[in-house]
Amino acid sequence: MEAQMYLDLNWVIVIMSTSLAFSALSPIISARRLNFFASSLPHAALLSIALGYMMSIFLAGDPTLWAVIVSIPLSYLQMYLVHRGVNENTATSVFVAFTTSASVAALYYILTMFPAKVSLWSYILGDPLLASWEDTVNAAVTSIALILLTLAFYEKEVLIGVDRDYAILNGINAKLHDYFVITLLTVASVGLLRVVGFVIEHVVMLLPAAIAATSARNSREVLLISMLSSAFSGFMGLLLAIYLNIAPSAAFGLILFTLYLIFLVIKGEK
């Protein structure tokens, strides 16, 4: 039992920083109506990780850094299609079709041609328990940067989402902010993929804002409740995973879902 309940500081830092980063972005995803796009990002992230892994073999360097470099043009391409008049749902569907097919091809190539130096399964299932101190520092730095940038531009992004025309009349370059938000989401989805995994990343991007929307009275409360509920779910999920010997990312997602149901029931009783 003692071994099961051992809690490493690495795990806590990684899961808490990641929880806060995704939950800070979640209200922006909701306000900007980017839920469909955000759901597609893990597909691109998995492809980018695979390509980054291959580039690190051929060119040296960190595979995650290469993955971020590769992923941003992919995300920009989708936003470019939307700006060119392609329906957003259509553009996202095409994007998912390409990135999913390409990621399967890339992963198959890696598994058959290269000796695996990292566990590709950790990117699919997510496992903060495998984090080294280097992984922890990278996750913490990435998360802090994402949180600070999100907080700095949060009100502008909400305004664009609520009334794009009014925001433009007030001098906000909405198209530039589109690419800014896409960049933040892409860096988060790729840079933190190993912690939460491809499967659960959809959940931690979308559910915190959904939880907050059940009780928040304004956009600031949405942000606060989103971050608090995610941080709570991440930490409790970590404890539950250690105690029950289950995947931490799965426990994280299930607790978020449970919180959403609880908040929904409370809202319905008022």
Protein backbone atom coordinates (compact mmCIF):
# COMPACT_ATOMS: atom_id res chain seq x y z
CA MET A 1 0.00 0.00 0.00
CA GLU A 2 2.81 2.41 0.82
CA ALA A 3 4.36 1.89 -2.59
CA GLN A 4 1.03 2.56 -4.25
CA MET A 5 0.57 5.86 -2.44
CA TYR A 6 4.06 7.20 -3.14
CA LEU A 7 3.70 10.69 -4.60
CA ASP A 8 6.57 12.11 -6.62
CA LEU A 9 6.95 15.90 -6.86
CA ASN A 10 7.51 15.50 -10.62
CA TRP A 11 4.05 14.06 -11.06
CA VAL A 12 2.36 16.83 -9.09
CA ILE A 13 4.13 19.64 -10.97
CA VAL A 14 3.44 18.11 -14.36
CA ILE A 15 -0.24 17.37 -13.79
CA MET A 16 -0.99 20.69 -12.06
CA SER A 17 0.79 22.87 -14.61
CA THR A 18 -0.84 21.00 -17.47
CA SER A 19 -4.28 21.18 -15.85
CA LEU A 20 -4.03 24.94 -15.40
CA ALA A 21 -2.73 25.54 -18.93
CA PHE A 22 -5.53 23.65 -20.66
CA SER A 23 -8.21 25.07 -18.38
CA ALA A 24 -7.03 28.64 -19.01
CA LEU A 25 -7.44 28.03 -22.74
CA SER A 26 -10.77 26.21 -22.39
CA PRO A 27 -12.94 29.34 -21.91
CA ILE A 28 -11.34 30.94 -24.97
CA ILE A 29 -12.13 27.82 -27.00
CA SER A 30 -15.74 28.10 -25.86
CA ALA A 31 -16.04 31.86 -26.36
CA ARG A 32 -14.45 31.73 -29.81
CA ARG A 33 -16.61 28.70 -30.77
CA LEU A 34 -13.51 26.65 -31.57
CA ASN A 35 -14.71 23.43 -29.93
CA PHE A 36 -14.70 21.51 -33.20
CA PHE A 37 -11.25 22.82 -34.09
CA ALA A 38 -9.88 22.08 -30.62
CA SER A 39 -11.22 18.53 -30.90
CA SER A 40 -9.23 18.12 -34.11
CA LEU A 41 -5.94 19.35 -32.66
CA PRO A 42 -4.91 16.09 -30.93
CA HIS A 43 -4.98 14.42 -34.35
CA ALA A 44 -2.54 17.01 -35.68
CA ALA A 45 -0.51 16.77 -32.46
CA LEU A 46 -0.06 13.02 -32.88
CA LEU A 47 1.09 13.52 -36.48
CA SER A 48 3.45 16.31 -35.40
CA ILE A 49 4.95 14.16 -32.63
CA ALA A 50 5.58 11.37 -35.12
CA LEU A 51 7.20 13.75 -37.61
CA GLY A 52 9.16 15.43 -34.82
CA TYR A 53 10.46 12.06 -33.68
CA MET A 54 11.71 11.28 -37.19
CA MET A 55 13.28 14.73 -37.56
CA SER A 56 15.09 14.30 -34.25
CA ILE A 57 16.61 11.08 -35.60
CA PHE A 58 17.70 12.58 -38.90
CA LEU A 59 18.60 16.11 -37.73
CA ALA A 60 19.11 15.66 -33.95
CA GLY A 61 17.39 17.89 -31.43
CA ASP A 62 14.37 17.51 -29.19
CA PRO A 63 11.42 15.67 -30.83
CA THR A 64 8.83 17.78 -29.02
CA LEU A 65 10.42 21.01 -30.24
CA TRP A 66 10.45 19.70 -33.80
CA ALA A 67 6.83 18.64 -33.34
CA VAL A 68 5.78 22.16 -32.31
CA ILE A 69 7.60 23.63 -35.32
CA VAL A 70 5.84 21.19 -37.66
CA SER A 71 2.40 21.54 -36.09
CA ILE A 72 1.97 25.33 -36.30
CA PRO A 73 1.93 25.50 -40.14
CA LEU A 74 -0.61 22.66 -40.16
CA SER A 75 -2.94 24.58 -37.85
CA TYR A 76 -2.41 27.81 -39.78
CA LEU A 77 -3.42 26.02 -42.98
CA GLN A 78 -6.78 25.16 -41.50
CA MET A 79 -7.39 28.73 -40.33
CA TYR A 80 -6.30 30.01 -43.74
CA LEU A 81 -8.95 27.84 -45.39
CA VAL A 82 -11.59 29.31 -43.07
CA HIS A 83 -10.47 32.86 -43.87
CA ARG A 84 -10.68 32.00 -47.56
CA GLY A 85 -14.35 31.20 -47.17
CA VAL A 86 -14.34 27.44 -46.60
CA ASN A 87 -16.96 26.42 -44.06
CA GLU A 88 -15.28 25.90 -40.68
CA ASN A 89 -16.80 22.47 -40.14
CA THR A 90 -15.77 21.39 -43.62
CA ALA A 91 -12.23 22.70 -43.16
CA THR A 92 -11.95 20.90 -39.83
CA SER A 93 -13.28 17.65 -41.27
CA VAL A 94 -10.74 17.79 -44.09
CA PHE A 95 -8.02 18.63 -41.57
CA VAL A 96 -8.92 15.65 -39.36
CA ALA A 97 -9.06 13.31 -42.34
CA PHE A 98 -5.58 14.32 -43.48
CA THR A 99 -3.87 14.43 -40.07
CA THR A 100 -5.40 11.14 -38.89
CA SER A 101 -4.39 9.28 -42.04
CA ALA A 102 -0.94 10.85 -42.08
CA SER A 103 -0.33 10.13 -38.36
CA VAL A 104 -1.16 6.44 -38.83
CA ALA A 105 1.25 6.30 -41.78
CA ALA A 106 3.98 8.11 -39.81
CA LEU A 107 3.57 5.97 -36.69
CA TYR A 108 3.64 2.78 -38.74
CA TYR A 109 6.82 3.96 -40.46
CA ILE A 110 8.49 4.71 -37.12
CA LEU A 111 7.51 1.40 -35.54
CA THR A 112 8.77 -0.62 -38.52
CA MET A 113 11.89 1.37 -39.48
CA PHE A 114 13.36 2.83 -36.28
CA PRO A 115 14.20 1.45 -32.85
CA ALA A 116 11.89 3.32 -30.51
CA LYS A 117 13.81 5.62 -28.18
CA VAL A 118 10.63 6.91 -26.58
CA SER A 119 7.32 5.26 -25.88
CA LEU A 120 4.86 6.33 -28.55
CA TRP A 121 2.11 4.83 -26.39
CA SER A 122 2.78 7.53 -23.79
CA TYR A 123 1.66 10.11 -26.37
CA ILE A 124 -1.50 8.17 -27.09
CA LEU A 125 -2.53 7.25 -23.55
CA GLY A 126 -0.63 9.94 -21.62
CA ASP A 127 1.39 9.21 -18.51
CA PRO A 128 2.76 11.92 -16.20
CA LEU A 129 4.23 9.16 -14.03
CA LEU A 130 6.95 8.66 -16.65
CA ALA A 131 8.03 12.30 -16.52
CA SER A 132 11.70 13.01 -15.88
CA TRP A 133 12.86 16.29 -14.36
CA GLU A 134 13.57 17.53 -17.88
CA ASP A 135 10.02 16.66 -18.91
CA THR A 136 8.72 18.39 -15.79
CA VAL A 137 10.65 21.59 -16.47
CA ASN A 138 9.53 21.62 -20.12
CA ALA A 139 5.89 21.07 -19.17
CA ALA A 140 6.01 23.72 -16.44
CA VAL A 141 7.69 26.34 -18.64
CA THR A 142 5.30 25.65 -21.51
CA SER A 143 2.29 25.82 -19.21
CA ILE A 144 3.37 29.04 -17.49
CA ALA A 145 3.98 30.73 -20.85
CA LEU A 146 0.56 29.61 -22.13
CA ILE A 147 -1.22 30.76 -18.97
CA LEU A 148 0.43 34.20 -18.97
CA LEU A 149 -0.35 34.79 -22.64
CA THR A 150 -3.91 33.59 -22.16
CA LEU A 151 -4.50 35.88 -19.20
CA ALA A 152 -2.96 38.85 -21.01
CA PHE A 153 -5.34 38.59 -23.97
CA TYR A 154 -8.31 36.84 -22.37
CA GLU A 155 -10.78 39.74 -22.44
CA LYS A 156 -10.00 40.58 -26.07
CA GLU A 157 -10.49 36.98 -27.13
CA VAL A 158 -13.83 36.79 -25.31
CA LEU A 159 -14.93 40.05 -26.93
CA ILE A 160 -14.06 38.72 -30.40
CA GLY A 161 -16.02 35.59 -29.64
CA VAL A 162 -19.07 37.45 -28.34
CA ASP A 163 -19.19 40.21 -31.00
CA ARG A 164 -16.54 39.99 -33.69
CA ASP A 165 -17.77 43.06 -35.59
CA TYR A 166 -17.79 45.20 -32.44
CA ALA A 167 -14.27 44.03 -31.60
CA ILE A 168 -13.06 45.01 -35.08
CA LEU A 169 -14.71 48.44 -34.76
CA ASN A 170 -12.76 48.89 -31.52
CA GLY A 171 -9.48 48.40 -33.37
CA ILE A 172 -8.85 44.73 -32.62
CA ASN A 173 -7.28 42.81 -35.49
CA ALA A 174 -9.56 39.77 -35.31
CA LYS A 175 -7.74 37.77 -37.98
CA LEU A 176 -4.40 38.25 -36.22
CA HIS A 177 -6.00 37.10 -32.97
CA ASP A 178 -7.37 34.05 -34.77
CA TYR A 179 -3.82 32.97 -35.55
CA PHE A 180 -2.70 33.90 -32.03
CA VAL A 181 -5.31 31.63 -30.44
CA ILE A 182 -4.52 28.86 -32.91
CA THR A 183 -0.85 29.13 -31.97
CA LEU A 184 -1.59 28.83 -28.24
CA LEU A 185 -3.86 25.84 -28.75
CA THR A 186 -1.38 24.12 -31.04
CA VAL A 187 1.56 24.59 -28.69
CA ALA A 188 -0.55 23.29 -25.79
CA SER A 189 -1.83 20.27 -27.68
CA VAL A 190 1.62 19.27 -28.93
CA GLY A 191 3.84 20.39 -26.08
CA LEU A 192 1.72 18.75 -23.39
CA LEU A 193 0.49 15.73 -25.34
CA ARG A 194 2.68 13.26 -23.46
CA VAL A 195 1.13 14.23 -20.13
CA VAL A 196 -2.57 13.83 -20.96
CA GLY A 197 -2.35 11.76 -24.14
CA PHE A 198 -4.09 11.89 -27.48
CA VAL A 199 -7.28 10.25 -26.21
CA ILE A 200 -7.96 12.46 -23.17
CA GLU A 201 -6.65 15.76 -24.56
CA HIS A 202 -10.06 16.49 -26.10
CA VAL A 203 -11.61 16.22 -22.64
CA VAL A 204 -9.23 18.52 -20.76
CA MET A 205 -9.53 21.17 -23.48
CA LEU A 206 -13.33 21.29 -23.57
CA LEU A 207 -14.83 20.19 -20.23
CA PRO A 208 -13.39 22.85 -17.85
CA ALA A 209 -15.24 25.66 -19.66
CA ALA A 210 -18.38 23.52 -19.85
CA ILE A 211 -18.21 23.03 -16.07
CA ALA A 212 -17.71 26.75 -15.49
CA ALA A 213 -20.57 27.71 -17.80
CA THR A 214 -23.07 25.93 -15.54
CA SER A 215 -22.56 28.38 -12.67
CA ALA A 216 -20.41 31.38 -13.70
CA ARG A 217 -22.02 34.80 -13.97
CA ASN A 218 -19.39 36.45 -16.16
CA SER A 219 -16.30 35.67 -18.24
CA ARG A 220 -13.88 36.14 -15.34
CA GLU A 221 -15.77 33.63 -13.23
CA VAL A 222 -15.74 31.23 -16.16
CA LEU A 223 -11.95 31.44 -16.25
CA LEU A 224 -11.61 31.05 -12.48
CA ILE A 225 -14.00 28.09 -12.16
CA SER A 226 -12.48 26.46 -15.23
CA MET A 227 -8.96 26.58 -13.77
CA LEU A 228 -10.00 25.54 -10.26
CA SER A 229 -12.10 22.60 -11.43
CA SER A 230 -9.33 21.39 -13.72
CA ALA A 231 -6.63 21.74 -11.07
CA PHE A 232 -8.80 19.84 -8.58
CA SER A 233 -9.58 17.12 -11.13
CA GLY A 234 -5.94 16.79 -12.16
CA PHE A 235 -4.66 16.40 -8.60
CA MET A 236 -7.45 14.09 -7.44
CA GLY A 237 -7.07 12.10 -10.64
CA LEU A 238 -3.39 11.63 -9.89
CA LEU A 239 -4.14 10.37 -6.37
CA LEU A 240 -6.87 8.07 -7.65
CA ALA A 241 -4.60 6.70 -10.37
CA ILE A 242 -1.84 5.89 -7.90
CA TYR A 243 -4.24 4.29 -5.42
CA LEU A 244 -6.16 2.20 -7.98
CA ASN A 245 -3.28 1.66 -10.40
CA ILE A 246 -5.13 3.14 -13.39
CA ALA A 247 -4.07 5.61 -16.09
CA PRO A 248 -3.72 9.12 -14.58
CA SER A 249 -5.10 10.78 -17.70
CA ALA A 250 -8.19 8.56 -17.56
CA ALA A 251 -8.79 9.41 -13.90
CA PHE A 252 -8.33 13.11 -14.72
CA GLY A 253 -10.94 12.95 -17.47
CA LEU A 254 -13.43 10.92 -15.45
CA ILE A 255 -13.28 13.31 -12.50
CA LEU A 256 -13.80 16.28 -14.85
CA PHE A 257 -16.83 14.52 -16.29
CA THR A 258 -18.18 13.76 -12.81
CA LEU A 259 -17.74 17.40 -11.80
CA TYR A 260 -19.66 18.49 -14.87
CA LEU A 261 -22.58 16.21 -13.94
CA ILE A 262 -22.54 17.48 -10.34
CA PHE A 263 -22.55 21.13 -11.44
CA LEU A 264 -25.34 20.38 -13.92
CA VAL A 265 -27.50 18.76 -11.25
CA ILE A 266 -26.89 21.66 -8.84
CA LYS A 267 -27.85 24.12 -11.57
CA GLY A 268 -31.02 22.19 -12.31
CA GLU A 269 -32.10 22.25 -8.66
CA LYS A 270 -31.80 26.02 -8.34
